Structures are given as C-alpha cells and as structure tokens.
Amino acid sequence: MTGAHDMPAVLDVLCPMYVMTNRTGHITHVGATLRKLRPDLDWVGARFLEVFALKRPRAVTSITNLRDSAGIKLHLQLRDAPMPSFLNPMKDARSWASCASLDECKAYALAAYEALPFQEQMAFRNHISEMEIAA
C-alpha cells in the first residue's frame, strides 16, 4: 500500500506537472515537467500564490481559499515572464498583457520590436500605420 510520503513519487510518474504545497501554501514538491518550464526557479519553499496567478476562480486570494476550492477546476498562470505557447502565441501574449502594468507592456513591446529583424520591423511599422489610417 502506498502512503502519503510516497505521493510525490507516484505523481512524478502519473502527473509530471503537479505542485504540492504545505498548509501554509509553500511549495514542497514539483513535477519534473513543470520544473523544466522554469529550471532556474527555486520551487521548493516558494509561496504557491507568488509563483502562480489564479485566473479562475477569481475569489481565490489566499491559500485558505484555495484549499476551500478543492475539486474546482483552476486556471493558473505563472507570474514571471511569459512563455509563448506552440499553439497560439498571440492569445498567450494578450493574456499576459492583460495582467501586466503599463510600464511592463511598454518595455516588453519595445524589447520585442528591437528583437525583430529589420524587415519585420518595417512590416510592423506598415501594419501600425495602416491601423492608424483605418481608425
């Protein structure tokens, strides 16, 4: 029979993107796949709600609220820098931007623009000019 102390080993095999927390909301275990998404993050000991933003349910603002929501589907997002998905990077970018401050949006927009090859920068400028004319 498997005891509670064996749970991380079981979850490593069955659910490699899991997170386990203690009663205070500090992360105690993280699945290997999730750890690969942020290999530089010191997961164990970090506060769950400082690593993850809960998008739904919006009423969850504390670890107590989270425990009381057992069985409810959660929509989570890592709080640090965005990682474009392979399926829909524009949707992810819009999601990140909706949570970012104005200064963060400006900084990210400028950094993304500067990272584009010159031809893509020109195409982007043309796109913006066309949007201004249409408005």
C-alpha atoms as a PDB file:
ATOM      1  CA  MET A   1       0.000   0.000   0.000  1.00  0.00           C
ATOM      2  CA  THR A   2       1.237   3.475  -0.852  1.00  0.00           C
ATOM      3  CA  GLY A   3       1.451   6.014   1.970  1.00  0.00           C
ATOM      4  CA  ALA A   4       1.275   9.804   1.862  1.00  0.00           C
ATOM      5  CA  HIS A   5       5.082  10.001   1.922  1.00  0.00           C
ATOM      6  CA  ASP A   6       5.147   8.079  -1.402  1.00  0.00           C
ATOM      7  CA  MET A   7       2.767  10.533  -3.114  1.00  0.00           C
ATOM      8  CA  PRO A   8       5.454  12.682  -4.820  1.00  0.00           C
ATOM      9  CA  ALA A   9       6.994   9.577  -6.425  1.00  0.00           C
ATOM     10  CA  VAL A  10       3.585   8.452  -7.677  1.00  0.00           C
ATOM     11  CA  LEU A  11       2.746  11.922  -9.013  1.00  0.00           C
ATOM     12  CA  ASP A  12       6.142  12.169 -10.736  1.00  0.00           C
ATOM     13  CA  VAL A  13       5.057   9.233 -12.904  1.00  0.00           C
ATOM     14  CA  LEU A  14       1.333   9.946 -13.318  1.00  0.00           C
ATOM     15  CA  CYS A  15       1.183  13.765 -13.309  1.00  0.00           C
ATOM     16  CA  PRO A  16       4.580  15.287 -14.119  1.00  0.00           C
ATOM     17  CA  MET A  17       3.203  18.868 -13.965  1.00  0.00           C
ATOM     18  CA  TYR A  18       1.965  18.672 -10.374  1.00  0.00           C
ATOM     19  CA  VAL A  19       2.665  21.018  -7.460  1.00  0.00           C
ATOM     20  CA  MET A  20       2.326  20.049  -3.809  1.00  0.00           C
ATOM     21  CA  THR A  21       2.114  22.635  -1.051  1.00  0.00           C
ATOM     22  CA  ASN A  22       2.076  22.510   2.711  1.00  0.00           C
ATOM     23  CA  ARG A  23      -0.683  24.035   4.834  1.00  0.00           C
ATOM     24  CA  THR A  24       0.895  27.489   4.677  1.00  0.00           C
ATOM     25  CA  GLY A  25       0.971  27.477   0.866  1.00  0.00           C
ATOM     26  CA  HIS A  26       4.697  26.898   0.440  1.00  0.00           C
ATOM     27  CA  ILE A  27       5.656  24.546  -2.375  1.00  0.00           C
ATOM     28  CA  THR A  28       7.055  21.239  -1.135  1.00  0.00           C
ATOM     29  CA  HIS A  29       7.259  19.192  -4.366  1.00  0.00           C
ATOM     30  CA  VAL A  30       7.128  19.928  -8.107  1.00  0.00           C
ATOM     31  CA  GLY A  31       6.761  17.585 -11.052  1.00  0.00           C
ATOM     32  CA  ALA A  32       9.648  17.192 -13.485  1.00  0.00           C
ATOM     33  CA  THR A  33       7.824  18.643 -16.490  1.00  0.00           C
ATOM     34  CA  LEU A  34       6.702  21.733 -14.602  1.00  0.00           C
ATOM     35  CA  ARG A  35      10.229  22.173 -13.251  1.00  0.00           C
ATOM     36  CA  LYS A  36      11.526  22.194 -16.854  1.00  0.00           C
ATOM     37  CA  LEU A  37       9.360  25.225 -17.649  1.00  0.00           C
ATOM     38  CA  ARG A  38      11.311  27.297 -15.126  1.00  0.00           C
ATOM     39  CA  PRO A  39      14.592  25.452 -14.460  1.00  0.00           C
ATOM     40  CA  ASP A  40      16.152  28.444 -12.668  1.00  0.00           C
ATOM     41  CA  LEU A  41      13.260  28.878 -10.239  1.00  0.00           C
ATOM     42  CA  ASP A  42      13.861  27.702  -6.689  1.00  0.00           C
ATOM     43  CA  TRP A  43      10.493  25.953  -6.449  1.00  0.00           C
ATOM     44  CA  VAL A  44      10.663  24.268  -3.054  1.00  0.00           C
ATOM     45  CA  GLY A  45       9.878  26.758  -0.320  1.00  0.00           C
ATOM     46  CA  ALA A  46       8.384  29.343  -2.675  1.00  0.00           C
ATOM     47  CA  ARG A  47       4.866  30.555  -1.939  1.00  0.00           C
ATOM     48  CA  PHE A  48       2.391  28.999  -4.381  1.00  0.00           C
ATOM     49  CA  LEU A  49       0.418  32.227  -4.848  1.00  0.00           C
ATOM     50  CA  GLU A  50       3.612  34.168  -5.547  1.00  0.00           C
ATOM     51  CA  VAL A  51       4.653  31.709  -8.269  1.00  0.00           C
ATOM     52  CA  PHE A  52       1.191  31.243  -9.798  1.00  0.00           C
ATOM     53  CA  ALA A  53      -1.585  33.708 -10.574  1.00  0.00           C
ATOM     54  CA  LEU A  54      -5.047  32.198 -10.298  1.00  0.00           C
ATOM     55  CA  LYS A  55      -7.198  33.412 -13.174  1.00  0.00           C
ATOM     56  CA  ARG A  56     -10.252  31.402 -12.112  1.00  0.00           C
ATOM     57  CA  PRO A  57     -11.895  31.219  -9.713  1.00  0.00           C
ATOM     58  CA  ARG A  58     -11.205  34.876  -9.052  1.00  0.00           C
ATOM     59  CA  ALA A  59     -12.370  34.564  -5.446  1.00  0.00           C
ATOM     60  CA  VAL A  60      -9.218  32.616  -4.555  1.00  0.00           C
ATOM     61  CA  THR A  61      -6.905  35.164  -2.970  1.00  0.00           C
ATOM     62  CA  SER A  62      -5.304  33.090  -0.221  1.00  0.00           C
ATOM     63  CA  ILE A  63      -4.108  29.559   0.341  1.00  0.00           C
ATOM     64  CA  THR A  64      -7.114  29.034   2.632  1.00  0.00           C
ATOM     65  CA  ASN A  65      -9.457  29.995  -0.241  1.00  0.00           C
ATOM     66  CA  LEU A  66      -7.528  27.630  -2.477  1.00  0.00           C
ATOM     67  CA  ARG A  67      -7.919  24.698  -0.065  1.00  0.00           C
ATOM     68  CA  ASP A  68     -11.627  25.505   0.291  1.00  0.00           C
ATOM     69  CA  SER A  69     -11.909  25.270  -3.525  1.00  0.00           C
ATOM     70  CA  ALA A  70     -10.882  21.602  -3.648  1.00  0.00           C
ATOM     71  CA  GLY A  71     -12.458  19.885  -6.634  1.00  0.00           C
ATOM     72  CA  ILE A  72     -12.977  23.095  -8.616  1.00  0.00           C
ATOM     73  CA  LYS A  73     -11.193  23.492 -11.942  1.00  0.00           C
ATOM     74  CA  LEU A  74      -8.412  26.086 -11.621  1.00  0.00           C
ATOM     75  CA  HIS A  75      -6.999  28.331 -14.313  1.00  0.00           C
ATOM     76  CA  LEU A  76      -3.370  29.073 -13.414  1.00  0.00           C
ATOM     77  CA  GLN A  77      -0.653  31.169 -14.949  1.00  0.00           C
ATOM     78  CA  LEU A  78       2.970  31.513 -13.939  1.00  0.00           C
ATOM     79  CA  ARG A  79       3.583  35.043 -12.687  1.00  0.00           C
ATOM     80  CA  ASP A  80       7.022  35.502 -14.228  1.00  0.00           C
ATOM     81  CA  ALA A  81       7.930  36.381 -17.802  1.00  0.00           C
ATOM     82  CA  PRO A  82       5.605  34.998 -20.452  1.00  0.00           C
ATOM     83  CA  MET A  83       6.474  31.938 -22.473  1.00  0.00           C
ATOM     84  CA  PRO A  84       4.784  31.803 -25.879  1.00  0.00           C
ATOM     85  CA  SER A  85       2.890  28.595 -26.442  1.00  0.00           C
ATOM     86  CA  PHE A  86       3.371  26.452 -29.505  1.00  0.00           C
ATOM     87  CA  LEU A  87      -0.340  26.571 -30.303  1.00  0.00           C
ATOM     88  CA  ASN A  88      -1.422  30.199 -30.005  1.00  0.00           C
ATOM     89  CA  PRO A  89       1.311  32.680 -29.061  1.00  0.00           C
ATOM     90  CA  MET A  90      -0.895  35.727 -29.769  1.00  0.00           C
ATOM     91  CA  LYS A  91      -3.554  34.508 -27.319  1.00  0.00           C
ATOM     92  CA  ASP A  92      -0.872  33.984 -24.663  1.00  0.00           C
ATOM     93  CA  ALA A  93       0.628  37.410 -25.363  1.00  0.00           C
ATOM     94  CA  ARG A  94      -2.773  39.063 -24.962  1.00  0.00           C
ATOM     95  CA  SER A  95      -3.376  37.139 -21.748  1.00  0.00           C
ATOM     96  CA  TRP A  96      -0.027  38.233 -20.323  1.00  0.00           C
ATOM     97  CA  ALA A  97      -0.564  41.839 -21.427  1.00  0.00           C
ATOM     98  CA  SER A  98      -3.963  41.960 -19.723  1.00  0.00           C
ATOM     99  CA  CYS A  99      -2.225  41.308 -16.382  1.00  0.00           C
ATOM    100  CA  ALA A 100       0.876  43.438 -16.940  1.00  0.00           C
ATOM    101  CA  SER A 101       1.337  47.024 -15.855  1.00  0.00           C
ATOM    102  CA  LEU A 102       1.585  49.799 -18.446  1.00  0.00           C
ATOM    103  CA  ASP A 103       5.353  50.048 -17.869  1.00  0.00           C
ATOM    104  CA  GLU A 104       5.736  46.277 -18.332  1.00  0.00           C
ATOM    105  CA  CYS A 105       3.725  46.369 -21.570  1.00  0.00           C
ATOM    106  CA  LYS A 106       5.814  49.240 -22.942  1.00  0.00           C
ATOM    107  CA  ALA A 107       9.093  47.572 -22.007  1.00  0.00           C
ATOM    108  CA  TYR A 108       8.053  44.214 -23.463  1.00  0.00           C
ATOM    109  CA  ALA A 109       6.709  45.811 -26.665  1.00  0.00           C
ATOM    110  CA  LEU A 110       9.931  47.744 -27.222  1.00  0.00           C
ATOM    111  CA  ALA A 111      12.148  44.746 -26.445  1.00  0.00           C
ATOM    112  CA  ALA A 112      10.104  42.538 -28.801  1.00  0.00           C
ATOM    113  CA  TYR A 113      10.270  45.169 -31.548  1.00  0.00           C
ATOM    114  CA  GLU A 114      14.044  45.558 -31.130  1.00  0.00           C
ATOM    115  CA  ALA A 115      14.469  41.777 -31.356  1.00  0.00           C
ATOM    116  CA  LEU A 116      12.808  41.668 -34.791  1.00  0.00           C
ATOM    117  CA  PRO A 117      14.920  41.559 -37.947  1.00  0.00           C
ATOM    118  CA  PHE A 118      14.917  44.883 -39.826  1.00  0.00           C
ATOM    119  CA  GLN A 119      12.467  43.670 -42.500  1.00  0.00           C
ATOM    120  CA  GLU A 120       9.996  42.570 -39.820  1.00  0.00           C
ATOM    121  CA  GLN A 121      10.354  45.932 -38.062  1.00  0.00           C
ATOM    122  CA  MET A 122       9.425  47.667 -41.322  1.00  0.00           C
ATOM    123  CA  ALA A 123       6.458  45.333 -41.823  1.00  0.00           C
ATOM    124  CA  PHE A 124       5.323  46.074 -38.263  1.00  0.00           C
ATOM    125  CA  ARG A 125       5.592  49.830 -38.868  1.00  0.00           C
ATOM    126  CA  ASN A 126       3.486  49.468 -42.011  1.00  0.00           C
ATOM    127  CA  HIS A 127       0.905  47.432 -40.089  1.00  0.00           C
ATOM    128  CA  ILE A 128       0.647  50.099 -37.373  1.00  0.00           C
ATOM    129  CA  SER A 129       0.386  52.879 -39.990  1.00  0.00           C
ATOM    130  CA  GLU A 130      -2.453  51.023 -41.722  1.00  0.00           C
ATOM    131  CA  MET A 131      -4.260  50.619 -38.385  1.00  0.00           C
ATOM    132  CA  GLU A 132      -3.916  54.367 -37.692  1.00  0.00           C
ATOM    133  CA  ILE A 133      -5.281  55.255 -41.129  1.00  0.00           C
ATOM    134  CA  ALA A 134      -8.242  52.881 -40.666  1.00  0.00           C
ATOM    135  CA  ALA A 135      -9.071  54.400 -37.271  1.00  0.00           C
END
